[in-house]
Amino acid sequence: MTRREQPTEDHGDVAEAHAAYHLAIASGHPDEAAKAAFNLGLSLKRRGDLDGARTAYQLVIDSGHPDCAAQAAFNLALLLVAQGDLSGAQAAYQAAIDAGHPDVVPVAAFNLGVLRQEQGDRTNAQPAYQLAIDSRHIDFAPKAAYNLGRILRQQGDLPAARAAYQVVVNSGHPELAPMAADNLGRLLYELGDVVGAQAAFQLVVDSGNPDDVPEAAFNLGVLHHQQGDLPRAETFYQMAIDSGESDQAPKAAFNLGVLLEQLANVAEAEAAYQMAIDSGHPDQAPKAAFNLGVLRQQQGDVTGAQIAYQLAVDSGHPDSAPKAAINLGLLLKRHGDLPGARAAYQLAIEYGHPDVTPLAAAALAELE
């Protein structure tokens, strides 16, 4: 004997469907009652009857149905979050986890971790994230590991954070793996593992992710620069510059200018500094203008040095502007422009820079 199909909302009247769901629930059938209560919960939720949906989902949970109970508990948690009942939502997520359904546990554990973390309960967020990690779910395990890594790093547990980020990297998750590798690289650098940091940043570069590559390329440039490998540093700085990213490209252009000065490539260094200046970056442009002024002054280009120093002065940058002002004052004094030198020294003094102000005051006193 075949069972008559239940009327559904897609093919019949909603009231008729709800009546059928209630009949199935009232039957107490161990399978059909739970399924009907679950579907009733979905329907009531769609129609804004949240209290009714909560009641229906709770029926499913109480039934202990092997498939429906976990999903009902999860749906109930989402509903409670939307209603602002965060304690109830935590209990519902835990019920979903306790039901043990392999498809529901990873997402419920991850969501529970997020909810606890958002409430400032990082201690209890950690075991929830670990549960999601242990599930090895293709998506929620790396998400949980990434969040756990951030918590552990904030707590100062760098070795544990390193392990969590490594889980994400090993997962190969297309979005999170490069982000985790970037975090791992910075963490390894803090731990003094320069080789490991380089390898992590290289993974980010190799991922080709346009959001992550520029910073990783810049960081690789810095690491190789610090290790004295100037050709490789130049390659990675140029990669960051070529990305056009609004923060990393100017930083890389400035550093490239410094590197090219080390190599005595004056014209190329000037070009790199000019690139940083042209970016208009609030920090790197003034720094580059100051360095360009120094470089031009060393080359005997007085006019070019004045122009560069004035750019740095006009930026108002709290560090580069006063340094450029005193250098400009010294340059103007050397070439006989005492009023200009006096104005530059006075401006340098007004910044109150702890290193520059005393020097500028002394230089100004010599003019009086």
Protein backbone atom coordinates (compact mmCIF):
# COMPACT_ATOMS: atom_id res chain seq x y z
CA MET A 1 0.00 0.00 0.00
CA THR A 2 1.43 3.38 -0.99
CA ARG A 3 1.25 6.33 1.37
CA ARG A 4 -0.67 9.37 0.10
CA GLU A 5 1.69 12.27 -0.58
CA GLN A 6 1.48 15.24 1.78
CA PRO A 7 0.24 18.49 0.21
CA THR A 8 3.03 21.05 -0.09
CA GLU A 9 3.19 24.81 -0.21
CA ASP A 10 4.51 24.72 -3.74
CA HIS A 11 1.61 22.69 -5.07
CA GLY A 12 -1.29 23.53 -2.86
CA ASP A 13 -2.84 25.81 -0.35
CA VAL A 14 -0.59 26.79 2.58
CA ALA A 15 -3.35 26.24 5.13
CA GLU A 16 -3.94 22.76 3.72
CA ALA A 17 -0.22 21.99 3.90
CA HIS A 18 -0.03 23.17 7.50
CA ALA A 19 -3.06 21.08 8.40
CA ALA A 20 -1.39 18.04 6.88
CA TYR A 21 1.80 18.74 8.82
CA HIS A 22 -0.18 18.96 12.05
CA LEU A 23 -1.93 15.67 11.29
CA ALA A 24 1.41 13.96 10.70
CA ILE A 25 2.80 15.44 13.92
CA ALA A 26 -0.25 14.31 15.87
CA SER A 27 0.17 10.78 14.52
CA GLY A 28 3.30 10.38 16.59
CA HIS A 29 4.94 8.41 13.78
CA PRO A 30 8.66 8.16 14.67
CA ASP A 31 9.74 9.29 11.22
CA GLU A 32 6.91 11.22 9.57
CA ALA A 33 6.01 13.30 12.63
CA ALA A 34 9.54 14.65 12.92
CA LYS A 35 9.77 15.41 9.19
CA ALA A 36 6.41 17.16 9.25
CA ALA A 37 7.39 19.28 12.26
CA PHE A 38 10.61 20.22 10.51
CA ASN A 39 8.80 21.28 7.34
CA LEU A 40 6.25 23.17 9.41
CA GLY A 41 9.09 25.05 11.09
CA LEU A 42 10.56 26.00 7.72
CA SER A 43 7.17 27.22 6.48
CA LEU A 44 6.39 29.25 9.58
CA LYS A 45 9.85 30.83 9.54
CA ARG A 46 9.39 31.89 5.92
CA ARG A 47 6.10 33.51 6.86
CA GLY A 48 7.50 35.41 9.82
CA ASP A 49 5.87 33.31 12.53
CA LEU A 50 9.07 32.92 14.51
CA ASP A 51 7.43 31.74 17.73
CA GLY A 52 5.58 29.04 15.81
CA ALA A 53 8.74 28.03 14.01
CA ARG A 54 10.59 27.79 17.33
CA THR A 55 7.89 25.48 18.70
CA ALA A 56 7.99 23.29 15.60
CA TYR A 57 11.78 23.01 15.61
CA GLN A 58 11.76 22.15 19.31
CA LEU A 59 9.35 19.28 18.58
CA VAL A 60 11.84 17.89 16.09
CA ILE A 61 14.72 18.27 18.53
CA ASP A 62 12.75 16.54 21.28
CA SER A 63 11.95 13.68 18.92
CA GLY A 64 15.62 12.80 18.59
CA HIS A 65 15.12 12.00 14.90
CA PRO A 66 18.55 10.94 13.56
CA ASP A 67 18.43 13.22 10.52
CA CYS A 68 16.00 16.01 11.30
CA ALA A 69 16.86 16.83 14.91
CA ALA A 70 20.33 18.16 14.18
CA GLN A 71 19.14 20.35 11.32
CA ALA A 72 16.20 21.60 13.35
CA ALA A 73 18.49 22.55 16.22
CA PHE A 74 20.75 24.38 13.79
CA ASN A 75 17.81 26.22 12.22
CA LEU A 76 16.53 27.09 15.67
CA ALA A 77 19.93 28.55 16.56
CA LEU A 78 19.89 30.77 13.47
CA LEU A 79 16.39 31.93 14.34
CA LEU A 80 17.38 32.71 17.93
CA VAL A 81 20.41 34.69 16.77
CA ALA A 82 18.12 36.77 14.57
CA GLN A 83 15.87 37.37 17.58
CA GLY A 84 18.82 38.37 19.75
CA ASP A 85 18.51 35.38 22.08
CA LEU A 86 22.20 34.55 22.05
CA SER A 87 22.16 32.29 25.09
CA GLY A 88 19.37 30.27 23.53
CA ALA A 89 21.23 30.19 20.24
CA GLN A 90 24.33 28.78 21.94
CA ALA A 91 22.23 26.04 23.52
CA ALA A 92 20.64 25.25 20.16
CA TYR A 93 24.01 25.06 18.39
CA GLN A 94 25.21 22.73 21.13
CA ALA A 95 22.11 20.58 20.64
CA ALA A 96 22.89 20.42 16.92
CA ILE A 97 26.45 19.34 17.73
CA ASP A 98 25.28 16.77 20.27
CA ALA A 99 22.95 15.24 17.68
CA GLY A 100 26.14 14.17 15.91
CA HIS A 101 25.01 14.49 12.29
CA PRO A 102 28.22 14.63 10.20
CA ASP A 103 26.86 17.33 7.89
CA VAL A 104 25.62 19.57 10.68
CA VAL A 105 28.33 19.29 13.33
CA PRO A 106 31.04 21.24 11.44
CA VAL A 107 28.88 24.26 10.63
CA ALA A 108 27.18 24.26 14.04
CA ALA A 109 30.54 24.07 15.83
CA PHE A 110 31.98 26.86 13.69
CA ASN A 111 28.94 29.09 14.23
CA LEU A 112 29.05 28.41 17.95
CA GLY A 113 32.69 29.43 18.00
CA VAL A 114 31.92 32.64 16.12
CA LEU A 115 29.01 33.46 18.43
CA ARG A 116 31.12 32.94 21.54
CA GLN A 117 34.00 34.91 20.09
CA GLU A 118 31.71 37.81 19.20
CA GLN A 119 30.49 37.82 22.80
CA GLY A 120 34.08 38.06 24.01
CA ASP A 121 34.18 34.47 25.26
CA ARG A 122 37.36 33.44 23.46
CA THR A 123 38.08 30.67 25.96
CA ASN A 124 34.92 28.73 25.11
CA ALA A 125 35.13 29.63 21.44
CA GLN A 126 38.33 27.60 21.14
CA PRO A 127 36.87 24.11 21.80
CA ALA A 128 34.02 24.85 19.40
CA TYR A 129 36.49 25.82 16.68
CA GLN A 130 38.60 22.76 17.48
CA LEU A 131 35.56 20.54 17.01
CA ALA A 132 35.00 22.03 13.56
CA ILE A 133 38.68 21.55 12.75
CA ASP A 134 38.57 17.92 13.86
CA SER A 135 35.63 17.31 11.51
CA ARG A 136 37.99 17.93 8.55
CA HIS A 137 35.12 19.60 6.73
CA ILE A 138 36.42 21.05 3.45
CA ASP A 139 35.13 24.53 4.23
CA PHE A 140 34.39 24.89 7.93
CA ALA A 141 37.55 23.20 9.22
CA PRO A 142 39.86 25.79 7.61
CA LYS A 143 37.51 28.62 8.60
CA ALA A 144 37.59 27.46 12.20
CA ALA A 145 41.37 26.98 12.14
CA TYR A 146 41.86 30.49 10.79
CA ASN A 147 39.71 32.02 13.52
CA LEU A 148 41.40 29.88 16.15
CA GLY A 149 44.80 31.01 14.90
CA ARG A 150 43.81 34.65 15.33
CA ILE A 151 42.56 34.04 18.88
CA LEU A 152 45.71 32.18 19.86
CA ARG A 153 47.92 34.89 18.43
CA GLN A 154 46.00 37.56 20.32
CA GLN A 155 46.58 35.53 23.47
CA GLY A 156 50.30 35.37 22.75
CA ASP A 157 50.38 31.61 22.19
CA LEU A 158 52.43 31.83 19.00
CA PRO A 159 53.34 28.12 18.67
CA ALA A 160 49.67 27.10 18.89
CA ALA A 161 48.67 29.89 16.50
CA ARG A 162 51.36 28.67 14.11
CA ALA A 163 49.87 25.17 14.18
CA ALA A 164 46.36 26.50 13.54
CA TYR A 165 47.46 28.62 10.58
CA GLN A 166 49.38 25.64 9.20
CA VAL A 167 46.13 23.64 9.20
CA VAL A 168 44.57 26.30 6.98
CA VAL A 169 47.58 26.45 4.69
CA ASN A 170 47.59 22.66 4.32
CA SER A 171 43.87 22.69 3.49
CA GLY A 172 44.53 24.54 0.25
CA HIS A 173 41.37 26.60 0.79
CA PRO A 174 41.35 29.05 -2.15
CA GLU A 175 40.63 32.14 -0.05
CA LEU A 176 41.78 31.32 3.46
CA ALA A 177 45.01 29.45 2.72
CA PRO A 178 46.78 32.54 1.30
CA MET A 179 45.47 34.69 4.16
CA ALA A 180 46.66 32.14 6.71
CA ALA A 181 50.04 31.85 4.98
CA ASP A 182 50.43 35.62 5.20
CA ASN A 183 49.61 35.56 8.92
CA LEU A 184 51.91 32.58 9.36
CA GLY A 185 54.74 34.40 7.65
CA ARG A 186 54.47 37.39 9.97
CA LEU A 187 54.21 35.10 12.99
CA LEU A 188 57.27 33.08 11.97
CA TYR A 189 59.22 36.29 11.50
CA GLU A 190 58.31 37.26 15.08
CA LEU A 191 59.57 33.85 16.19
CA GLY A 192 62.87 34.48 14.40
CA ASP A 193 62.26 31.87 11.69
CA VAL A 194 63.20 33.97 8.67
CA VAL A 195 63.44 30.99 6.32
CA GLY A 196 60.00 29.77 7.37
CA ALA A 197 58.58 33.28 6.98
CA GLN A 198 59.99 33.52 3.46
CA ALA A 199 58.46 30.16 2.56
CA ALA A 200 55.07 31.23 3.91
CA PHE A 201 55.09 34.53 2.04
CA GLN A 202 56.19 32.70 -1.10
CA LEU A 203 53.10 30.49 -0.80
CA VAL A 204 50.98 33.63 -0.81
CA VAL A 205 52.73 34.98 -3.88
CA ASP A 206 52.37 31.63 -5.64
CA SER A 207 48.64 31.62 -4.91
CA GLY A 208 48.19 34.55 -7.26
CA ASN A 209 45.42 35.92 -5.05
CA PRO A 210 45.29 39.62 -6.03
CA ASP A 211 44.18 40.68 -2.54
CA ASP A 212 47.07 38.98 -0.77
CA VAL A 213 49.99 38.97 -3.20
CA PRO A 214 51.03 42.66 -2.94
CA GLU A 215 51.64 42.58 0.82
CA ALA A 216 53.38 39.21 0.66
CA ALA A 217 55.61 40.41 -2.18
CA PHE A 218 56.51 43.52 -0.17
CA ASN A 219 57.26 41.39 2.89
CA LEU A 220 59.46 39.09 0.82
CA GLY A 221 61.26 42.14 -0.50
CA VAL A 222 61.91 43.33 3.05
CA LEU A 223 63.15 39.91 4.21
CA HIS A 224 65.52 39.49 1.26
CA HIS A 225 66.66 43.09 1.70
CA GLN A 226 67.46 42.42 5.35
CA GLN A 227 69.36 39.26 4.37
CA GLY A 228 71.44 41.21 1.88
CA ASP A 229 69.96 39.50 -1.18
CA LEU A 230 69.37 42.74 -3.06
CA PRO A 231 68.54 41.28 -6.49
CA ARG A 232 65.72 39.15 -5.07
CA ALA A 233 64.57 42.02 -2.88
CA GLU A 234 64.38 44.23 -5.96
CA THR A 235 62.33 41.59 -7.77
CA PHE A 236 59.73 41.40 -5.03
CA TYR A 237 59.59 45.15 -4.47
CA GLN A 238 58.92 45.52 -8.18
CA MET A 239 56.17 42.91 -7.97
CA ALA A 240 54.49 44.90 -5.22
CA ILE A 241 54.88 48.10 -7.24
CA ASP A 242 53.42 46.48 -10.35
CA SER A 243 50.36 45.42 -8.37
CA GLY A 244 49.36 49.07 -8.04
CA GLU A 245 47.94 48.34 -4.59
CA SER A 246 47.36 51.66 -2.83
CA ASP A 247 49.43 50.88 0.27
CA GLN A 248 51.98 48.23 -0.67
CA ALA A 249 53.06 49.74 -4.00
CA PRO A 250 54.19 53.08 -2.47
CA LYS A 251 55.92 51.27 0.40
CA ALA A 252 57.74 49.07 -2.09
CA ALA A 253 58.69 52.07 -4.25
CA PHE A 254 60.23 53.82 -1.24
CA ASN A 255 62.14 50.70 -0.19
CA LEU A 256 63.27 50.14 -3.75
CA GLY A 257 64.66 53.67 -3.78
CA VAL A 258 66.67 52.91 -0.64
CA LEU A 259 67.92 49.64 -2.17
CA LEU A 260 68.96 51.31 -5.43
CA GLU A 261 70.84 53.95 -3.46
CA GLN A 262 72.75 51.09 -1.80
CA LEU A 263 73.63 49.87 -5.28
CA ALA A 264 74.65 53.41 -6.31
CA ASN A 265 72.01 53.42 -9.04
CA VAL A 266 71.24 57.09 -8.55
CA ALA A 267 68.96 57.69 -11.52
CA GLU A 268 66.90 54.57 -10.79
CA ALA A 269 66.71 55.44 -7.09
CA GLU A 270 65.41 58.92 -7.97
CA ALA A 271 62.80 57.32 -10.22
CA ALA A 272 61.68 54.96 -7.44
CA TYR A 273 61.40 57.81 -4.94
CA GLN A 274 59.48 59.87 -7.49
CA MET A 275 57.08 56.97 -7.94
CA ALA A 276 56.42 56.93 -4.20
CA ILE A 277 55.94 60.71 -4.23
CA ASP A 278 53.53 60.55 -7.15
CA SER A 279 51.43 57.97 -5.30
CA GLY A 280 50.39 60.64 -2.80
CA HIS A 281 50.63 58.08 -0.01
CA PRO A 282 50.38 59.99 3.31
CA ASP A 283 53.49 58.34 4.80
CA GLN A 284 55.57 57.07 1.92
CA ALA A 285 55.34 60.17 -0.31
CA PRO A 286 56.81 62.54 2.33
CA LYS A 287 59.50 60.01 3.27
CA ALA A 288 60.43 59.59 -0.37
CA ALA A 289 60.51 63.36 -0.91
CA PHE A 290 62.90 63.76 2.02
CA ASN A 291 65.18 60.95 0.78
CA LEU A 292 65.07 62.36 -2.73
CA GLY A 293 66.12 65.74 -1.38
CA VAL A 294 69.08 64.18 0.42
CA LEU A 295 70.07 62.18 -2.67
CA ARG A 296 69.90 65.22 -4.95
CA GLN A 297 71.84 67.32 -2.46
CA GLN A 298 74.56 64.67 -2.38
CA GLN A 299 74.68 64.83 -6.18
CA GLY A 300 75.05 68.60 -6.12
CA ASP A 301 71.59 69.25 -7.55
CA VAL A 302 70.70 72.18 -5.28
CA THR A 303 67.52 73.21 -7.09
CA GLY A 304 66.25 69.64 -7.27
CA ALA A 305 67.01 69.12 -3.57
CA GLN A 306 65.12 72.29 -2.63
CA ILE A 307 62.09 71.17 -4.62
CA ALA A 308 62.10 67.72 -2.98
CA TYR A 309 62.59 69.11 0.52
CA GLN A 310 59.77 71.60 -0.03
CA LEU A 311 57.46 68.76 -1.06
CA ALA A 312 58.19 67.01 2.22
CA VAL A 313 57.73 70.24 4.18
CA ASP A 314 54.42 70.99 2.46
CA SER A 315 53.13 67.50 3.32
CA GLY A 316 52.98 68.36 7.00
CA HIS A 317 54.15 64.85 7.84
CA PRO A 318 55.08 64.80 11.57
CA ASP A 319 58.45 63.16 10.95
CA SER A 320 59.50 63.90 7.39
CA ALA A 321 58.35 67.53 7.27
CA PRO A 322 60.49 68.81 10.19
CA LYS A 323 63.49 66.80 8.98
CA ALA A 324 63.08 68.26 5.51
CA ALA A 325 62.63 71.75 6.95
CA ILE A 326 65.94 71.74 8.82
CA ASN A 327 67.76 70.25 5.83
CA LEU A 328 66.20 72.90 3.64
CA GLY A 329 67.30 75.57 6.10
CA LEU A 330 70.89 74.29 6.09
CA LEU A 331 70.89 74.16 2.30
CA LEU A 332 69.51 77.69 1.95
CA LYS A 333 71.99 79.05 4.48
CA ARG A 334 74.86 77.42 2.61
CA HIS A 335 73.77 79.21 -0.55
CA GLY A 336 73.24 82.60 1.07
CA ASP A 337 69.45 82.69 1.43
CA LEU A 338 69.38 83.63 5.12
CA PRO A 339 65.70 84.73 5.25
CA GLY A 340 64.69 81.45 3.64
CA ALA A 341 66.88 79.49 6.04
CA ARG A 342 65.42 81.38 9.02
CA ALA A 343 61.85 80.54 7.91
CA ALA A 344 62.74 76.89 7.40
CA TYR A 345 64.36 76.59 10.83
CA GLN A 346 61.38 78.27 12.47
CA LEU A 347 59.03 75.83 10.78
CA ALA A 348 61.14 72.89 11.93
CA ILE A 349 61.02 74.19 15.50
CA GLU A 350 57.24 74.57 15.44
CA TYR A 351 56.76 70.86 14.78
CA GLY A 352 58.17 70.04 18.19
CA HIS A 353 59.99 66.99 16.85
CA PRO A 354 62.13 65.62 19.72
CA ASP A 355 65.23 65.20 17.55
CA VAL A 356 64.84 68.04 15.07
CA THR A 357 63.61 70.91 17.27
CA PRO A 358 66.80 71.29 19.36
CA LEU A 359 68.96 71.21 16.22
CA ALA A 360 66.75 73.72 14.43
CA ALA A 361 66.75 76.02 17.46
CA ALA A 362 70.54 75.92 17.60
CA ALA A 363 70.80 76.57 13.88
CA LEU A 364 68.39 79.49 14.15
CA ALA A 365 70.39 80.98 17.02
CA GLU A 366 73.51 80.95 14.82
CA LEU A 367 71.73 83.17 12.33
CA GLU A 368 70.77 85.80 14.91
